[in-house]
Protein backbone atom coordinates (compact mmCIF):
# COMPACT_ATOMS: atom_id res chain seq x y z
CA MET A 1 127.06 134.20 116.85
CA GLY A 2 123.47 135.36 116.45
CA MET A 3 122.52 132.03 114.87
CA ARG A 4 123.97 130.10 117.82
CA ILE A 5 122.09 132.27 120.30
CA ALA A 6 118.82 131.73 118.42
CA LEU A 7 119.38 127.97 118.33
CA GLY A 8 120.19 127.98 122.04
CA VAL A 9 116.98 129.84 122.85
CA ALA A 10 114.93 127.43 120.72
CA LEU A 11 116.58 124.41 122.40
CA ALA A 12 115.95 125.83 125.87
CA ALA A 13 112.30 126.49 125.00
CA ALA A 14 111.89 122.90 123.83
CA LEU A 15 113.55 121.48 126.96
CA PHE A 16 111.43 123.50 129.36
CA GLN A 17 108.16 123.22 127.47
CA LYS A 18 105.61 121.74 129.83
CA ASP A 19 103.92 118.49 128.79
CA PRO A 20 100.12 118.77 128.40
CA ALA A 21 98.15 117.42 131.37
CA SER A 22 95.27 116.20 129.17
CA SER A 23 94.52 115.47 125.53
CA LYS A 24 92.27 118.54 125.53
CA GLU A 25 95.19 120.71 126.58
CA ALA A 26 97.41 119.04 123.97
CA MET A 27 94.96 119.93 121.19
CA ARG A 28 94.53 123.51 122.40
CA GLY A 29 97.86 124.63 120.94
CA ILE A 30 97.08 123.24 117.48
CA GLN A 31 93.31 123.67 117.30
CA PHE A 32 93.73 126.29 114.58
CA LEU A 33 93.96 123.25 112.28
CA VAL A 34 90.16 122.94 112.48
CA GLY A 35 88.77 124.08 109.13
CA GLU A 36 89.47 123.59 105.43
CA TRP A 37 92.95 123.86 103.96
CA ARG A 38 94.22 124.21 100.39
CA THR A 39 97.39 122.17 100.08
CA THR A 40 100.15 122.26 97.47
CA VAL A 41 102.28 119.11 97.43
CA THR A 42 105.67 119.10 95.71
CA ASP A 43 107.40 115.85 94.80
CA GLU A 44 111.08 116.56 95.47
CA ASN A 45 112.11 113.85 93.01
CA ASP A 46 109.84 114.92 90.16
CA ASN A 47 108.17 118.35 90.14
CA ALA A 48 105.93 117.17 87.30
CA LYS A 49 104.20 114.91 89.82
CA SER A 50 103.26 117.81 92.11
CA TRP A 51 99.56 118.35 92.83
CA GLU A 52 96.89 120.29 94.70
CA GLU A 53 94.64 118.76 97.33
CA GLU A 54 92.28 119.86 100.11
CA GLN A 55 92.13 118.81 103.74
CA ALA A 56 89.17 119.28 106.08
CA TRP A 57 89.99 119.10 109.82
CA GLU A 58 87.58 118.82 112.73
CA TYR A 59 87.55 117.90 116.40
CA LYS A 60 86.96 114.30 117.46
CA ILE A 61 85.82 114.15 121.10
CA ASP A 62 85.17 110.85 122.89
CA LYS A 63 84.35 111.53 126.54
CA GLU A 64 87.62 113.01 127.89
CA GLU A 65 89.70 112.11 124.84
CA TYR A 66 90.29 114.96 122.39
CA GLY A 67 91.78 114.61 118.94
CA LEU A 68 91.77 116.20 115.50
CA GLN A 69 90.61 114.15 112.52
CA PHE A 70 90.78 115.07 108.85
CA VAL A 71 89.93 113.85 105.38
CA VAL A 72 91.89 114.50 102.20
CA LYS A 73 90.17 115.42 98.95
CA GLU A 74 91.97 114.72 95.66
CA GLY A 75 94.99 113.39 97.53
CA LYS A 76 97.49 111.05 95.90
CA ARG A 77 99.07 109.57 99.03
CA PHE A 78 96.63 109.62 101.96
CA LYS A 79 92.86 109.78 102.34
CA GLU A 80 92.37 110.50 106.07
CA GLY A 81 94.08 110.78 109.43
CA LEU A 82 93.71 111.29 113.17
CA LEU A 83 96.01 113.40 115.34
CA SER A 84 95.84 112.56 119.05
CA TYR A 85 97.97 112.72 122.20
CA ASP A 86 99.26 109.80 124.28
CA LEU A 87 99.31 110.90 127.92
CA LYS A 88 101.44 107.93 129.01
CA LYS A 89 104.15 108.40 126.39
CA LYS A 90 103.78 112.22 126.37
CA LEU A 91 103.78 112.09 122.58
CA TYR A 92 101.56 113.26 119.76
CA ARG A 93 100.35 110.44 117.54
CA LEU A 94 99.30 110.74 113.90
CA GLU A 95 97.46 107.77 112.39
CA MET A 96 97.27 108.02 108.61
CA THR A 97 95.26 105.92 106.16
CA LYS A 98 96.77 105.55 102.70
CA LEU A 99 94.77 105.36 99.49
CA ASP A 100 95.04 101.57 99.49
CA GLY A 101 93.60 101.39 103.02
CA LYS A 102 96.87 100.58 104.76
CA LYS A 103 97.57 102.50 107.95
CA GLN A 104 100.74 104.19 109.16
CA THR A 105 101.38 105.56 112.64
CA TYR A 106 103.74 108.41 113.52
CA GLU A 107 104.74 109.70 116.96
CA GLY A 108 106.66 112.74 118.13
CA ARG A 109 106.78 115.97 120.09
CA LEU A 110 105.64 119.54 119.62
CA ALA A 111 108.47 122.00 120.29
CA GLY A 112 107.36 125.58 119.89
CA LYS A 113 105.86 125.79 116.41
CA ASP A 114 107.44 122.58 115.13
CA LEU A 115 105.80 119.15 115.28
CA ILE A 116 108.12 116.29 114.26
CA LEU A 117 106.59 112.82 113.94
CA ASP A 118 108.54 109.63 113.19
CA GLU A 119 106.91 106.51 111.79
CA VAL A 120 106.48 103.68 114.29
CA ALA A 121 108.46 100.98 112.50
CA ASP A 122 110.85 98.12 113.12
CA GLU A 123 114.45 99.28 113.60
CA LYS A 124 115.55 97.14 110.67
CA SER A 125 112.96 98.64 108.31
CA ALA A 126 112.92 101.86 106.34
CA GLN A 127 111.31 104.72 108.27
CA GLU A 128 109.39 107.85 107.33
CA ARG A 129 109.14 111.20 109.10
CA MET A 130 106.57 113.98 108.88
CA GLY A 131 107.43 117.50 110.01
CA PHE A 132 105.18 120.54 110.40
CA ASN A 133 106.18 124.16 110.91
CA PHE A 134 103.17 126.15 112.12
CA LEU A 135 103.98 129.62 110.82
CA ARG A 136 100.64 131.11 111.87
CA ASP A 137 97.06 129.95 112.31
CA ASN A 138 96.23 130.36 108.62
CA ARG A 139 99.40 128.97 107.04
CA PHE A 140 101.93 126.22 107.78
CA LEU A 141 104.51 124.09 106.01
CA GLY A 142 105.10 120.36 105.99
CA THR A 143 107.87 117.98 104.96
CA TYR A 144 107.91 114.27 104.33
CA GLU A 145 111.22 112.43 104.70
CA ARG A 146 112.46 108.88 104.37
CA ARG A 147 115.39 106.99 105.85
CA GLU A 148 116.40 103.66 104.35
CA ALA A 149 116.81 100.58 106.53
CA GLY A 150 120.09 100.78 108.44
CA GLY A 151 120.71 104.32 107.25
CA LYS A 152 121.26 107.47 109.29
CA THR A 153 120.39 110.15 106.73
CA TRP A 154 116.89 111.51 106.20
CA LEU A 155 116.05 112.46 102.61
CA GLN A 156 113.11 114.75 101.88
CA THR A 157 110.67 113.29 99.37
CA HIS A 158 107.73 115.72 99.52
CA ALA A 159 107.05 119.29 100.62
CA TYR A 160 103.64 120.62 101.66
CA GLN A 161 102.27 124.17 101.79
CA PHE A 162 99.00 124.62 103.69
CA THR A 163 96.82 127.72 103.35
CA LYS A 164 93.52 128.01 105.21
CA LYS A 165 90.54 128.55 102.95
CA GLY A 166 88.36 131.62 103.46
CA VAL A 167 90.74 133.24 105.97
CA PRO A 168 92.61 136.49 105.11
CA PHE A 169 96.33 136.76 105.89
CA VAL A 170 95.63 139.76 108.13
CA LYS A 171 93.02 138.76 110.69
CA THR A 172 90.95 140.65 113.23
CA GLU A 173 90.00 139.40 116.72
CA THR A 174 87.87 136.26 116.47
CA PRO A 175 85.36 134.80 118.97
CA LYS A 176 86.44 131.90 121.20
CA CYS A 177 84.86 128.46 121.26
CA VAL A 178 83.21 127.77 124.65
CA VAL A 179 84.01 124.03 124.36
CA THR A 180 87.72 124.02 123.44
CA GLY A 181 88.85 127.61 123.90
CA GLY A 182 89.86 127.80 120.24
CA THR A 183 88.46 129.88 117.42
CA GLY A 184 84.66 129.89 117.36
CA SER A 185 83.17 129.43 113.91
CA MET A 186 79.43 129.13 114.65
CA GLY A 187 77.26 131.22 116.96
CA VAL A 188 74.59 129.67 119.21
CA GLU A 189 71.90 131.78 120.92
CA TYR A 190 71.04 130.88 124.52
CA GLN A 191 69.00 133.01 126.95
CA GLY A 192 69.63 136.15 124.97
CA LYS A 193 73.40 135.64 124.66
CA THR A 194 75.51 134.40 121.77
CA TYR A 195 78.02 131.64 122.41
CA TYR A 196 80.48 130.29 119.85
CA VAL A 197 81.55 126.72 119.10
CA CYS A 198 84.17 125.28 116.75
């Protein structure tokens, strides 16, 4: 009974969640990603192939278009990516670059603390899905799934655990960035006052 109520509340929250009016607003809810992350990747098919990597995220701002770009250090699957928001489709878009230079695009919605992104692929082709559960602003989980061509079942192939570097689990109040409204990481002095930017 309690489980059904919780699921109902989560579904209602997702249905009534207001779509962002701008890419800047879309990034505001996930701007805690800016910074460096230590990532543990588990291969669900072979734990011996699990590894550690690092990701460095930062804002990418082009006029009125806001996005979050990142690079992967010591990664075995991807080397960089860009997370943006499509105002026409009302979808988040993740463009990933693999180690061999090939690109993959994923699109999906943010519902509460969960961001689910499906690969943009032909209906007759195999498809991949990336899912993120943002537990808090210094830790989140990720999953990587695959569905074979013509299939209906998603099978998890990799699991990700992200922990923000240099940030304690118990945090005190942090300054706000005057540009994005997120967490300010660098102070700038101007006319005797200190302002913070990401």
